[in-house]
Amino acid sequence: MPSDMKSVVEIDAVTAKAWLDDGSAVLLDVREDPELTDARIPGAVHNAMSAFDFDNVPKEPGKKLIVTCAHGVRSMQVADYLLHQGIVDEVYSLAGGVVAWAQAGLPYDQG
């Protein structure tokens, strides 16, 4: 792979939680509105993939951007698109999504 090719890095839920807790990252949730009733990760910015708003992508200088969905498929697609469109220089996808977050015993809101 050429050195100028950037790629999305998958991270696990525990790593994502640590980054969010220490303030070094922001979380973008690309699930659809009805999915939010199942579980919401506190502090996540919601931006549904079906109605994606590029103006609603968190851009906080010096902070990592983590994208999540239910299982980690859509988040990889969105993260890859953001990276290759030049909207972000670095992006991470939450492996396994919100499901993996919940399975890791990490806190989430319901309803």
PDB file of N, CA and C in Angstrom:
ATOM      1  N   MET A   1       0.845  -1.176   0.000  1.00  0.00           N
ATOM      2  CA  MET A   1       0.000   0.000   0.000  1.00  0.00           C
ATOM      3  C   MET A   1       0.895   1.246   0.000  1.00  0.00           C
ATOM      4  N   PRO A   2       0.629   2.193  -0.907  1.00  0.00           N
ATOM      5  CA  PRO A   2       1.443   3.412  -0.934  1.00  0.00           C
ATOM      6  C   PRO A   2       1.311   4.171   0.386  1.00  0.00           C
ATOM      7  N   SER A   3       2.349   4.865   0.757  1.00  0.00           N
ATOM      8  CA  SER A   3       2.348   5.546   2.051  1.00  0.00           C
ATOM      9  C   SER A   3       1.335   6.673   2.122  1.00  0.00           C
ATOM     10  N   ASP A   4       0.877   7.182   0.953  1.00  0.00           N
ATOM     11  CA  ASP A   4      -0.092   8.275   0.984  1.00  0.00           C
ATOM     12  C   ASP A   4      -1.541   7.774   1.088  1.00  0.00           C
ATOM     13  N   MET A   5      -1.703   6.445   1.088  1.00  0.00           N
ATOM     14  CA  MET A   5      -3.054   5.885   1.224  1.00  0.00           C
ATOM     15  C   MET A   5      -3.418   5.812   2.702  1.00  0.00           C
ATOM     16  N   LYS A   6      -4.475   6.523   3.048  1.00  0.00           N
ATOM     17  CA  LYS A   6      -4.936   6.501   4.424  1.00  0.00           C
ATOM     18  C   LYS A   6      -6.012   5.443   4.570  1.00  0.00           C
ATOM     19  N   SER A   7      -6.127   4.893   5.763  1.00  0.00           N
ATOM     20  CA  SER A   7      -7.169   3.907   5.979  1.00  0.00           C
ATOM     21  C   SER A   7      -7.801   4.106   7.343  1.00  0.00           C
ATOM     22  N   VAL A   8      -9.018   3.630   7.464  1.00  0.00           N
ATOM     23  CA  VAL A   8      -9.757   3.688   8.705  1.00  0.00           C
ATOM     24  C   VAL A   8      -9.179   2.646   9.652  1.00  0.00           C
ATOM     25  N   VAL A   9      -8.997   3.024  10.894  1.00  0.00           N
ATOM     26  CA  VAL A   9      -8.487   2.105  11.899  1.00  0.00           C
ATOM     27  C   VAL A   9      -9.652   1.665  12.780  1.00  0.00           C
ATOM     28  N   GLU A  10      -9.812   0.350  12.922  1.00  0.00           N
ATOM     29  CA  GLU A  10     -10.850  -0.168  13.819  1.00  0.00           C
ATOM     30  C   GLU A  10     -10.294  -0.227  15.231  1.00  0.00           C
ATOM     31  N   ILE A  11     -11.107   0.218  16.185  1.00  0.00           N
ATOM     32  CA  ILE A  11     -10.707   0.145  17.584  1.00  0.00           C
ATOM     33  C   ILE A  11     -11.791  -0.580  18.369  1.00  0.00           C
ATOM     34  N   ASP A  12     -11.404  -1.163  19.492  1.00  0.00           N
ATOM     35  CA  ASP A  12     -12.396  -1.867  20.308  1.00  0.00           C
ATOM     36  C   ASP A  12     -13.100  -0.891  21.248  1.00  0.00           C
ATOM     37  N   ALA A  13     -14.174  -1.357  21.839  1.00  0.00           N
ATOM     38  CA  ALA A  13     -15.014  -0.515  22.692  1.00  0.00           C
ATOM     39  C   ALA A  13     -14.263   0.025  23.902  1.00  0.00           C
ATOM     40  N   VAL A  14     -13.404  -0.788  24.501  1.00  0.00           N
ATOM     41  CA  VAL A  14     -12.666  -0.355  25.690  1.00  0.00           C
ATOM     42  C   VAL A  14     -11.728   0.801  25.346  1.00  0.00           C
ATOM     43  N   THR A  15     -11.064   0.711  24.195  1.00  0.00           N
ATOM     44  CA  THR A  15     -10.184   1.798  23.738  1.00  0.00           C
ATOM     45  C   THR A  15     -11.002   3.054  23.476  1.00  0.00           C
ATOM     46  N   ALA A  16     -12.133   2.893  22.784  1.00  0.00           N
ATOM     47  CA  ALA A  16     -12.996   4.042  22.491  1.00  0.00           C
ATOM     48  C   ALA A  16     -13.443   4.726  23.778  1.00  0.00           C
ATOM     49  N   LYS A  17     -13.856   3.934  24.758  1.00  0.00           N
ATOM     50  CA  LYS A  17     -14.321   4.483  26.035  1.00  0.00           C
ATOM     51  C   LYS A  17     -13.198   5.245  26.727  1.00  0.00           C
ATOM     52  N   ALA A  18     -11.992   4.715  26.703  1.00  0.00           N
ATOM     53  CA  ALA A  18     -10.845   5.384  27.330  1.00  0.00           C
ATOM     54  C   ALA A  18     -10.580   6.732  26.662  1.00  0.00           C
ATOM     55  N   TRP A  19     -10.628   6.766  25.327  1.00  0.00           N
ATOM     56  CA  TRP A  19     -10.398   8.014  24.590  1.00  0.00           C
ATOM     57  C   TRP A  19     -11.495   9.032  24.890  1.00  0.00           C
ATOM     58  N   LEU A  20     -12.742   8.579  24.951  1.00  0.00           N
ATOM     59  CA  LEU A  20     -13.851   9.486  25.249  1.00  0.00           C
ATOM     60  C   LEU A  20     -13.724  10.019  26.678  1.00  0.00           C
ATOM     61  N   ASP A  21     -13.359   9.143  27.604  1.00  0.00           N
ATOM     62  CA  ASP A  21     -13.221   9.538  29.003  1.00  0.00           C
ATOM     63  C   ASP A  21     -12.106  10.558  29.220  1.00  0.00           C
ATOM     64  N   ASP A  22     -11.000  10.401  28.473  1.00  0.00           N
ATOM     65  CA  ASP A  22      -9.892  11.338  28.698  1.00  0.00           C
ATOM     66  C   ASP A  22      -9.992  12.584  27.800  1.00  0.00           C
ATOM     67  N   GLY A  23     -11.099  12.679  27.043  1.00  0.00           N
ATOM     68  CA  GLY A  23     -11.343  13.870  26.236  1.00  0.00           C
ATOM     69  C   GLY A  23     -10.553  13.952  24.951  1.00  0.00           C
ATOM     70  N   SER A  24      -9.917  12.838  24.546  1.00  0.00           N
ATOM     71  CA  SER A  24      -9.088  12.879  23.338  1.00  0.00           C
ATOM     72  C   SER A  24      -9.859  12.492  22.076  1.00  0.00           C
ATOM     73  N   ALA A  25     -11.158  12.166  22.223  1.00  0.00           N
ATOM     74  CA  ALA A  25     -11.932  11.742  21.060  1.00  0.00           C
ATOM     75  C   ALA A  25     -13.381  12.218  21.157  1.00  0.00           C
ATOM     76  N   VAL A  26     -14.038  12.269  19.985  1.00  0.00           N
ATOM     77  CA  VAL A  26     -15.474  12.520  19.898  1.00  0.00           C
ATOM     78  C   VAL A  26     -16.091  11.347  19.145  1.00  0.00           C
ATOM     79  N   LEU A  27     -17.368  11.066  19.435  1.00  0.00           N
ATOM     80  CA  LEU A  27     -18.044   9.904  18.862  1.00  0.00           C
ATOM     81  C   LEU A  27     -19.189  10.346  17.963  1.00  0.00           C
ATOM     82  N   LEU A  28     -19.229   9.796  16.758  1.00  0.00           N
ATOM     83  CA  LEU A  28     -20.281  10.064  15.780  1.00  0.00           C
ATOM     84  C   LEU A  28     -21.070   8.778  15.561  1.00  0.00           C
ATOM     85  N   ASP A  29     -22.364   8.818  15.872  1.00  0.00           N
ATOM     86  CA  ASP A  29     -23.249   7.653  15.742  1.00  0.00           C
ATOM     87  C   ASP A  29     -24.064   7.811  14.465  1.00  0.00           C
ATOM     88  N   VAL A  30     -23.882   6.885  13.500  1.00  0.00           N
ATOM     89  CA  VAL A  30     -24.554   7.006  12.206  1.00  0.00           C
ATOM     90  C   VAL A  30     -25.772   6.084  12.068  1.00  0.00           C
ATOM     91  N   ARG A  31     -26.253   5.544  13.205  1.00  0.00           N
ATOM     92  CA  ARG A  31     -27.451   4.699  13.148  1.00  0.00           C
ATOM     93  C   ARG A  31     -28.683   5.546  12.828  1.00  0.00           C
ATOM     94  N   GLU A  32     -29.738   4.854  12.408  1.00  0.00           N
ATOM     95  CA  GLU A  32     -30.989   5.532  12.097  1.00  0.00           C
ATOM     96  C   GLU A  32     -31.751   5.877  13.379  1.00  0.00           C
ATOM     97  N   ASP A  33     -32.645   6.851  13.299  1.00  0.00           N
ATOM     98  CA  ASP A  33     -33.383   7.327  14.474  1.00  0.00           C
ATOM     99  C   ASP A  33     -34.029   6.205  15.299  1.00  0.00           C
ATOM    100  N   PRO A  34     -34.762   5.255  14.677  1.00  0.00           N
ATOM    101  CA  PRO A  34     -35.409   4.217  15.488  1.00  0.00           C
ATOM    102  C   PRO A  34     -34.428   3.358  16.297  1.00  0.00           C
ATOM    103  N   GLU A  35     -33.189   3.236  15.813  1.00  0.00           N
ATOM    104  CA  GLU A  35     -32.192   2.419  16.512  1.00  0.00           C
ATOM    105  C   GLU A  35     -31.742   3.047  17.824  1.00  0.00           C
ATOM    106  N   LEU A  36     -31.927   4.343  17.959  1.00  0.00           N
ATOM    107  CA  LEU A  36     -31.457   5.037  19.151  1.00  0.00           C
ATOM    108  C   LEU A  36     -32.247   4.642  20.397  1.00  0.00           C
ATOM    109  N   THR A  37     -33.449   4.100  20.212  1.00  0.00           N
ATOM    110  CA  THR A  37     -34.237   3.689  21.381  1.00  0.00           C
ATOM    111  C   THR A  37     -33.628   2.455  22.046  1.00  0.00           C
ATOM    112  N   ASP A  38     -32.856   1.653  21.287  1.00  0.00           N
ATOM    113  CA  ASP A  38     -32.215   0.458  21.847  1.00  0.00           C
ATOM    114  C   ASP A  38     -31.096   0.834  22.811  1.00  0.00           C
ATOM    115  N   ALA A  39     -30.225   1.710  22.362  1.00  0.00           N
ATOM    116  CA  ALA A  39     -29.079   2.111  23.178  1.00  0.00           C
ATOM    117  C   ALA A  39     -28.431   3.351  22.583  1.00  0.00           C
ATOM    118  N   ARG A  40     -28.020   4.240  23.455  1.00  0.00           N
ATOM    119  CA  ARG A  40     -27.270   5.434  23.052  1.00  0.00           C
ATOM    120  C   ARG A  40     -26.018   5.517  23.907  1.00  0.00           C
ATOM    121  N   ILE A  41     -24.893   5.769  23.270  1.00  0.00           N
ATOM    122  CA  ILE A  41     -23.663   5.975  24.016  1.00  0.00           C
ATOM    123  C   ILE A  41     -23.643   7.447  24.436  1.00  0.00           C
ATOM    124  N   PRO A  42     -23.526   7.701  25.736  1.00  0.00           N
ATOM    125  CA  PRO A  42     -23.560   9.085  26.217  1.00  0.00           C
ATOM    126  C   PRO A  42     -22.529   9.974  25.520  1.00  0.00           C
ATOM    127  N   GLY A  43     -22.983  11.145  25.096  1.00  0.00           N
ATOM    128  CA  GLY A  43     -22.093  12.118  24.475  1.00  0.00           C
ATOM    129  C   GLY A  43     -21.921  11.971  22.977  1.00  0.00           C
ATOM    130  N   ALA A  44     -22.469  10.906  22.386  1.00  0.00           N
ATOM    131  CA  ALA A  44     -22.317  10.699  20.945  1.00  0.00           C
ATOM    132  C   ALA A  44     -23.126  11.732  20.164  1.00  0.00           C
ATOM    133  N   VAL A  45     -22.565  12.170  19.044  1.00  0.00           N
ATOM    134  CA  VAL A  45     -23.275  13.049  18.121  1.00  0.00           C
ATOM    135  C   VAL A  45     -24.013  12.144  17.138  1.00  0.00           C
ATOM    136  N   HIS A  46     -25.339  12.329  17.012  1.00  0.00           N
ATOM    137  CA  HIS A  46     -26.112  11.487  16.103  1.00  0.00           C
ATOM    138  C   HIS A  46     -26.198  12.151  14.729  1.00  0.00           C
ATOM    139  N   ASN A  47     -25.933  11.359  13.688  1.00  0.00           N
ATOM    140  CA  ASN A  47     -25.979  11.836  12.307  1.00  0.00           C
ATOM    141  C   ASN A  47     -26.319  10.620  11.449  1.00  0.00           C
ATOM    142  N   ALA A  48     -27.608  10.356  11.268  1.00  0.00           N
ATOM    143  CA  ALA A  48     -28.066   9.143  10.581  1.00  0.00           C
ATOM    144  C   ALA A  48     -27.478   9.014   9.177  1.00  0.00           C
ATOM    145  N   MET A  49     -27.002   7.822   8.861  1.00  0.00           N
ATOM    146  CA  MET A  49     -26.376   7.571   7.559  1.00  0.00           C
ATOM    147  C   MET A  49     -27.325   7.884   6.403  1.00  0.00           C
ATOM    148  N   SER A  50     -28.614   7.593   6.562  1.00  0.00           N
ATOM    149  CA  SER A  50     -29.567   7.791   5.462  1.00  0.00           C
ATOM    150  C   SER A  50     -29.825   9.263   5.151  1.00  0.00           C
ATOM    151  N   ALA A  51     -29.554  10.127   6.116  1.00  0.00           N
ATOM    152  CA  ALA A  51     -29.763  11.569   5.934  1.00  0.00           C
ATOM    153  C   ALA A  51     -28.505  12.308   6.382  1.00  0.00           C
ATOM    154  N   PHE A  52     -27.360  11.770   5.995  1.00  0.00           N
ATOM    155  CA  PHE A  52     -26.082  12.256   6.516  1.00  0.00           C
ATOM    156  C   PHE A  52     -25.871  13.735   6.215  1.00  0.00           C
ATOM    157  N   ASP A  53     -25.498  14.478   7.238  1.00  0.00           N
ATOM    158  CA  ASP A  53     -25.264  15.911   7.138  1.00  0.00           C
ATOM    159  C   ASP A  53     -23.780  16.170   7.409  1.00  0.00           C
ATOM    160  N   PHE A  54     -23.066  16.537   6.353  1.00  0.00           N
ATOM    161  CA  PHE A  54     -21.618  16.749   6.492  1.00  0.00           C
ATOM    162  C   PHE A  54     -21.304  17.903   7.435  1.00  0.00           C
ATOM    163  N   ASP A  55     -22.246  18.817   7.621  1.00  0.00           N
ATOM    164  CA  ASP A  55     -22.048  19.920   8.561  1.00  0.00           C
ATOM    165  C   ASP A  55     -22.177  19.450  10.009  1.00  0.00           C
ATOM    166  N   ASN A  56     -22.711  18.240  10.207  1.00  0.00           N
ATOM    167  CA  ASN A  56     -22.902  17.699  11.549  1.00  0.00           C
ATOM    168  C   ASN A  56     -21.843  16.640  11.885  1.00  0.00           C
ATOM    169  N   VAL A  57     -20.686  16.742  11.250  1.00  0.00           N
ATOM    170  CA  VAL A  57     -19.560  15.866  11.584  1.00  0.00           C
ATOM    171  C   VAL A  57     -18.712  16.635  12.605  1.00  0.00           C
ATOM    172  N   PRO A  58     -18.537  16.083  13.799  1.00  0.00           N
ATOM    173  CA  PRO A  58     -17.745  16.811  14.802  1.00  0.00           C
ATOM    174  C   PRO A  58     -16.321  17.045  14.303  1.00  0.00           C
ATOM    175  N   LYS A  59     -15.914  18.303  14.324  1.00  0.00           N
ATOM    176  CA  LYS A  59     -14.551  18.654  13.910  1.00  0.00           C
ATOM    177  C   LYS A  59     -13.916  19.427  15.052  1.00  0.00           C
ATOM    178  N   GLU A  60     -13.320  18.688  15.959  1.00  0.00           N
ATOM    179  CA  GLU A  60     -12.673  19.324  17.100  1.00  0.00           C
ATOM    180  C   GLU A  60     -11.172  19.128  16.959  1.00  0.00           C
ATOM    181  N   PRO A  61     -10.453  20.216  16.696  1.00  0.00           N
ATOM    182  CA  PRO A  61      -9.004  20.118  16.490  1.00  0.00           C
ATOM    183  C   PRO A  61      -8.314  19.368  17.627  1.00  0.00           C
ATOM    184  N   GLY A  62      -7.453  18.446  17.243  1.00  0.00           N
ATOM    185  CA  GLY A  62      -6.689  17.694  18.232  1.00  0.00           C
ATOM    186  C   GLY A  62      -7.422  16.496  18.809  1.00  0.00           C
ATOM    187  N   LYS A  63      -8.687  16.296  18.393  1.00  0.00           N
ATOM    188  CA  LYS A  63      -9.441  15.148  18.911  1.00  0.00           C
ATOM    189  C   LYS A  63      -9.642  14.115  17.813  1.00  0.00           C
ATOM    190  N   LYS A  64      -9.582  12.852  18.213  1.00  0.00           N
ATOM    191  CA  LYS A  64      -9.821  11.755  17.282  1.00  0.00           C
ATOM    192  C   LYS A  64     -11.323  11.651  17.024  1.00  0.00           C
ATOM    193  N   LEU A  65     -11.697  11.269  15.803  1.00  0.00           N
ATOM    194  CA  LEU A  65     -13.097  11.049  15.454  1.00  0.00           C
ATOM    195  C   LEU A  65     -13.341   9.547  15.387  1.00  0.00           C
ATOM    196  N   ILE A  66     -14.282   9.075  16.212  1.00  0.00           N
ATOM    197  CA  ILE A  66     -14.683   7.669  16.206  1.00  0.00           C
ATOM    198  C   ILE A  66     -16.096   7.609  15.644  1.00  0.00           C
ATOM    199  N   VAL A  67     -16.319   6.732  14.668  1.00  0.00           N
ATOM    200  CA  VAL A  67     -17.650   6.554  14.084  1.00  0.00           C
ATOM    201  C   VAL A  67     -18.190   5.210  14.569  1.00  0.00           C
ATOM    202  N   THR A  68     -19.491   5.197  14.931  1.00  0.00           N
ATOM    203  CA  THR A  68     -20.114   3.949  15.367  1.00  0.00           C
ATOM    204  C   THR A  68     -21.471   3.773  14.707  1.00  0.00           C
ATOM    205  N   CYS A  69     -21.923   2.523  14.684  1.00  0.00           N
ATOM    206  CA  CYS A  69     -23.268   2.167  14.229  1.00  0.00           C
ATOM    207  C   CYS A  69     -23.688   0.992  15.115  1.00  0.00           C
ATOM    208  N   ALA A  70     -24.555   0.132  14.622  1.00  0.00           N
ATOM    209  CA  ALA A  70     -25.013  -0.989  15.446  1.00  0.00           C
ATOM    210  C   ALA A  70     -23.951  -2.087  15.567  1.00  0.00           C
ATOM    211  N   HIS A  71     -23.361  -2.487  14.424  1.00  0.00           N
ATOM    212  CA  HIS A  71     -22.435  -3.625  14.418  1.00  0.00           C
ATOM    213  C   HIS A  71     -21.056  -3.313  13.832  1.00  0.00           C
ATOM    214  N   GLY A  72     -20.838  -2.093  13.340  1.00  0.00           N
ATOM    215  CA  GLY A  72     -19.524  -1.720  12.818  1.00  0.00           C
ATOM    216  C   GLY A  72     -19.382  -1.754  11.315  1.00  0.00           C
ATOM    217  N   VAL A  73     -20.474  -2.056  10.582  1.00  0.00           N
ATOM    218  CA  VAL A  73     -20.395  -2.101   9.111  1.00  0.00           C
ATOM    219  C   VAL A  73     -20.602  -0.711   8.524  1.00  0.00           C
ATOM    220  N   ARG A  74     -21.702  -0.073   8.889  1.00  0.00           N
ATOM    221  CA  ARG A  74     -21.977   1.276   8.369  1.00  0.00           C
ATOM    222  C   ARG A  74     -20.935   2.281   8.846  1.00  0.00           C
ATOM    223  N   SER A  75     -20.466   2.110  10.076  1.00  0.00           N
ATOM    224  CA  SER A  75     -19.466   3.058  10.581  1.00  0.00           C
ATOM    225  C   SER A  75     -18.182   2.987   9.751  1.00  0.00           C
ATOM    226  N   MET A  76     -17.790   1.791   9.324  1.00  0.00           N
ATOM    227  CA  MET A  76     -16.611   1.661   8.454  1.00  0.00           C
ATOM    228  C   MET A  76     -16.850   2.358   7.122  1.00  0.00           C
ATOM    229  N   GLN A  77     -18.066   2.204   6.574  1.00  0.00           N
ATOM    230  CA  GLN A  77     -18.387   2.838   5.288  1.00  0.00           C
ATOM    231  C   GLN A  77     -18.341   4.355   5.393  1.00  0.00           C
ATOM    232  N   VAL A  78     -18.965   4.889   6.430  1.00  0.00           N
ATOM    233  CA  VAL A  78     -18.990   6.341   6.616  1.00  0.00           C
ATOM    234  C   VAL A  78     -17.584   6.858   6.902  1.00  0.00           C
ATOM    235  N   ALA A  79     -16.854   6.188   7.781  1.00  0.00           N
ATOM    236  CA  ALA A  79     -15.498   6.617   8.125  1.00  0.00           C
ATOM    237  C   ALA A  79     -14.599   6.620   6.890  1.00  0.00           C
ATOM    238  N   ASP A  80     -14.700   5.572   6.078  1.00  0.00           N
ATOM    239  CA  ASP A  80     -13.899   5.476   4.859  1.00  0.00           C
ATOM    240  C   ASP A  80     -14.242   6.615   3.898  1.00  0.00           C
ATOM    241  N   TYR A  81     -15.525   6.903   3.770  1.00  0.00           N
ATOM    242  CA  TYR A  81     -15.967   7.986   2.883  1.00  0.00           C
ATOM    243  C   TYR A  81     -15.430   9.332   3.373  1.00  0.00           C
ATOM    244  N   LEU A  82     -15.573   9.604   4.671  1.00  0.00           N
ATOM    245  CA  LEU A  82     -15.086  10.870   5.232  1.00  0.00           C
ATOM    246  C   LEU A  82     -13.587  11.030   5.004  1.00  0.00           C
ATOM    247  N   LEU A  83     -12.855   9.948   5.166  1.00  0.00           N
ATOM    248  CA  LEU A  83     -11.407   9.964   4.991  1.00  0.00           C
ATOM    249  C   LEU A  83     -11.040  10.234   3.533  1.00  0.00           C
ATOM    250  N   HIS A  84     -11.662   9.502   2.611  1.00  0.00           N
ATOM    251  CA  HIS A  84     -11.281   9.606   1.207  1.00  0.00           C
ATOM    252  C   HIS A  84     -11.858  10.820   0.496  1.00  0.00           C
ATOM    253  N   GLN A  85     -12.842  11.483   1.117  1.00  0.00           N
ATOM    254  CA  GLN A  85     -13.333  12.747   0.574  1.00  0.00           C
ATOM    255  C   GLN A  85     -12.545  13.927   1.144  1.00  0.00           C
ATOM    256  N   GLY A  86     -11.606  13.630   2.038  1.00  0.00           N
ATOM    257  CA  GLY A  86     -10.784  14.680   2.617  1.00  0.00           C
ATOM    258  C   GLY A  86     -11.477  15.492   3.701  1.00  0.00           C
ATOM    259  N   ILE A  87     -12.600  14.993   4.198  1.00  0.00           N
ATOM    260  CA  ILE A  87     -13.344  15.698   5.242  1.00  0.00           C
ATOM    261  C   ILE A  87     -12.618  15.571   6.576  1.00  0.00           C
ATOM    262  N   VAL A  88     -11.956  14.444   6.780  1.00  0.00           N
ATOM    263  CA  VAL A  88     -11.121  14.230   7.969  1.00  0.00           C
ATOM    264  C   VAL A  88      -9.781  13.658   7.516  1.00  0.00           C
ATOM    265  N   ASP A  89      -8.764  13.858   8.338  1.00  0.00           N
ATOM    266  CA  ASP A  89      -7.429  13.327   8.030  1.00  0.00           C
ATOM    267  C   ASP A  89      -7.177  12.000   8.715  1.00  0.00           C
ATOM    268  N   GLU A  90      -7.955  11.741   9.773  1.00  0.00           N
ATOM    269  CA  GLU A  90      -7.762  10.543  10.587  1.00  0.00           C
ATOM    270  C   GLU A  90      -9.135  10.183  11.150  1.00  0.00           C
ATOM    271  N   VAL A  91      -9.473   8.894  11.094  1.00  0.00           N
ATOM    272  CA  VAL A  91     -10.787   8.484  11.595  1.00  0.00           C
ATOM    273  C   VAL A  91     -10.729   7.038  12.068  1.00  0.00           C
ATOM    274  N   TYR A  92     -11.549   6.731  13.060  1.00  0.00           N
ATOM    275  CA  TYR A  92     -11.599   5.402  13.658  1.00  0.00           C
ATOM    276  C   TYR A  92     -13.024   4.869  13.592  1.00  0.00           C
ATOM    277  N   SER A  93     -13.156   3.562  13.484  1.00  0.00           N
ATOM    278  CA  SER A  93     -14.464   2.911  13.494  1.00  0.00           C
ATOM    279  C   SER A  93     -14.524   1.993  14.709  1.00  0.00           C
ATOM    280  N   LEU A  94     -15.651   2.056  15.422  1.00  0.00           N
ATOM    281  CA  LEU A  94     -15.839   1.214  16.595  1.00  0.00           C
ATOM    282  C   LEU A  94     -16.179  -0.202  16.132  1.00  0.00           C
ATOM    283  N   ALA A  95     -15.236  -1.123  16.298  1.00  0.00           N
ATOM    284  CA  ALA A  95     -15.425  -2.514  15.880  1.00  0.00           C
ATOM    285  C   ALA A  95     -16.594  -3.126  16.653  1.00  0.00           C
ATOM    286  N   GLY A  96     -17.558  -3.668  15.919  1.00  0.00           N
ATOM    287  CA  GLY A  96     -18.711  -4.289  16.562  1.00  0.00           C
ATOM    288  C   GLY A  96     -19.788  -3.307  16.978  1.00  0.00           C
ATOM    289  N   GLY A  97     -19.515  -2.023  16.830  1.00  0.00           N
ATOM    290  CA  GLY A  97     -20.502  -0.984  17.079  1.00  0.00           C
ATOM    291  C   GLY A  97     -21.048  -0.942  18.497  1.00  0.00           C
ATOM    292  N   VAL A  98     -22.273  -0.409  18.583  1.00  0.00           N
ATOM    293  CA  VAL A  98     -22.935  -0.246  19.877  1.00  0.00           C
ATOM    294  C   VAL A  98     -23.171  -1.603  20.543  1.00  0.00           C
ATOM    295  N   VAL A  99     -23.373  -2.637  19.738  1.00  0.00           N
ATOM    296  CA  VAL A  99     -23.563  -3.986  20.294  1.00  0.00           C
ATOM    297  C   VAL A  99     -22.315  -4.406  21.074  1.00  0.00           C
ATOM    298  N   ALA A 100     -21.141  -4.199  20.487  1.00  0.00           N
ATOM    299  CA  ALA A 100     -19.892  -4.563  21.156  1.00  0.00           C
ATOM    300  C   ALA A 100     -19.679  -3.699  22.404  1.00  0.00           C
ATOM    301  N   TRP A 101     -20.071  -2.432  22.325  1.00  0.00           N
ATOM    302  CA  TRP A 101     -19.976  -1.524  23.474  1.00  0.00           C
ATOM    303  C   TRP A 101     -20.783  -2.094  24.641  1.00  0.00           C
ATOM    304  N   ALA A 102     -22.040  -2.467  24.361  1.00  0.00           N
ATOM    305  CA  ALA A 102     -22.919  -3.015  25.405  1.00  0.00           C
ATOM    306  C   ALA A 102     -22.382  -4.351  25.926  1.00  0.00           C
ATOM    307  N   GLN A 103     -21.896  -5.199  25.014  1.00  0.00           N
ATOM    308  CA  GLN A 103     -21.372  -6.506  25.424  1.00  0.00           C
ATOM    309  C   GLN A 103     -20.126  -6.370  26.289  1.00  0.00           C
ATOM    310  N   ALA A 104     -19.410  -5.267  26.121  1.00  0.00           N
ATOM    311  CA  ALA A 104     -18.203  -5.033  26.939  1.00  0.00           C
ATOM    312  C   ALA A 104     -18.574  -4.513  28.325  1.00  0.00           C
ATOM    313  N   GLY A 105     -19.885  -4.321  28.554  1.00  0.00           N
ATOM    314  CA  GLY A 105     -20.331  -3.854  29.861  1.00  0.00           C
ATOM    315  C   GLY A 105     -20.164  -2.371  30.066  1.00  0.00           C
ATOM    316  N   LEU A 106     -19.990  -1.621  28.972  1.00  0.00           N
ATOM    317  CA  LEU A 106     -19.791  -0.181  29.070  1.00  0.00           C
ATOM    318  C   LEU A 106     -21.147   0.526  29.167  1.00  0.00           C
ATOM    319  N   PRO A 107     -21.193   1.711  29.773  1.00  0.00           N
ATOM    320  CA  PRO A 107     -22.466   2.373  30.024  1.00  0.00           C
ATOM    321  C   PRO A 107     -23.132   2.909  28.751  1.00  0.00           C
ATOM    322  N   TYR A 108     -24.454   2.775  28.725  1.00  0.00           N
ATOM    323  CA  TYR A 108     -25.235   3.339  27.631  1.00  0.00           C
ATOM    324  C   TYR A 108     -26.625   3.689  28.162  1.00  0.00           C
ATOM    325  N   ASP A 109     -27.280   4.580  27.445  1.00  0.00           N
ATOM    326  CA  ASP A 109     -28.633   4.997  27.812  1.00  0.00           C
ATOM    327  C   ASP A 109     -29.628   4.245  26.952  1.00  0.00           C
ATOM    328  N   GLN A 110     -30.796   3.944  27.512  1.00  0.00           N
ATOM    329  CA  GLN A 110     -31.856   3.267  26.756  1.00  0.00           C
ATOM    330  C   GLN A 110     -33.081   4.148  26.687  1.00  0.00           C
ATOM    331  N   GLY A 111     -33.857   3.970  25.607  1.00  0.00           N
ATOM    332  CA  GLY A 111     -35.101   4.711  25.469  1.00  0.00           C
ATOM    333  C   GLY A 111     -34.936   6.040  24.809  1.00  0.00           C
TER     334      GLY A 111
END
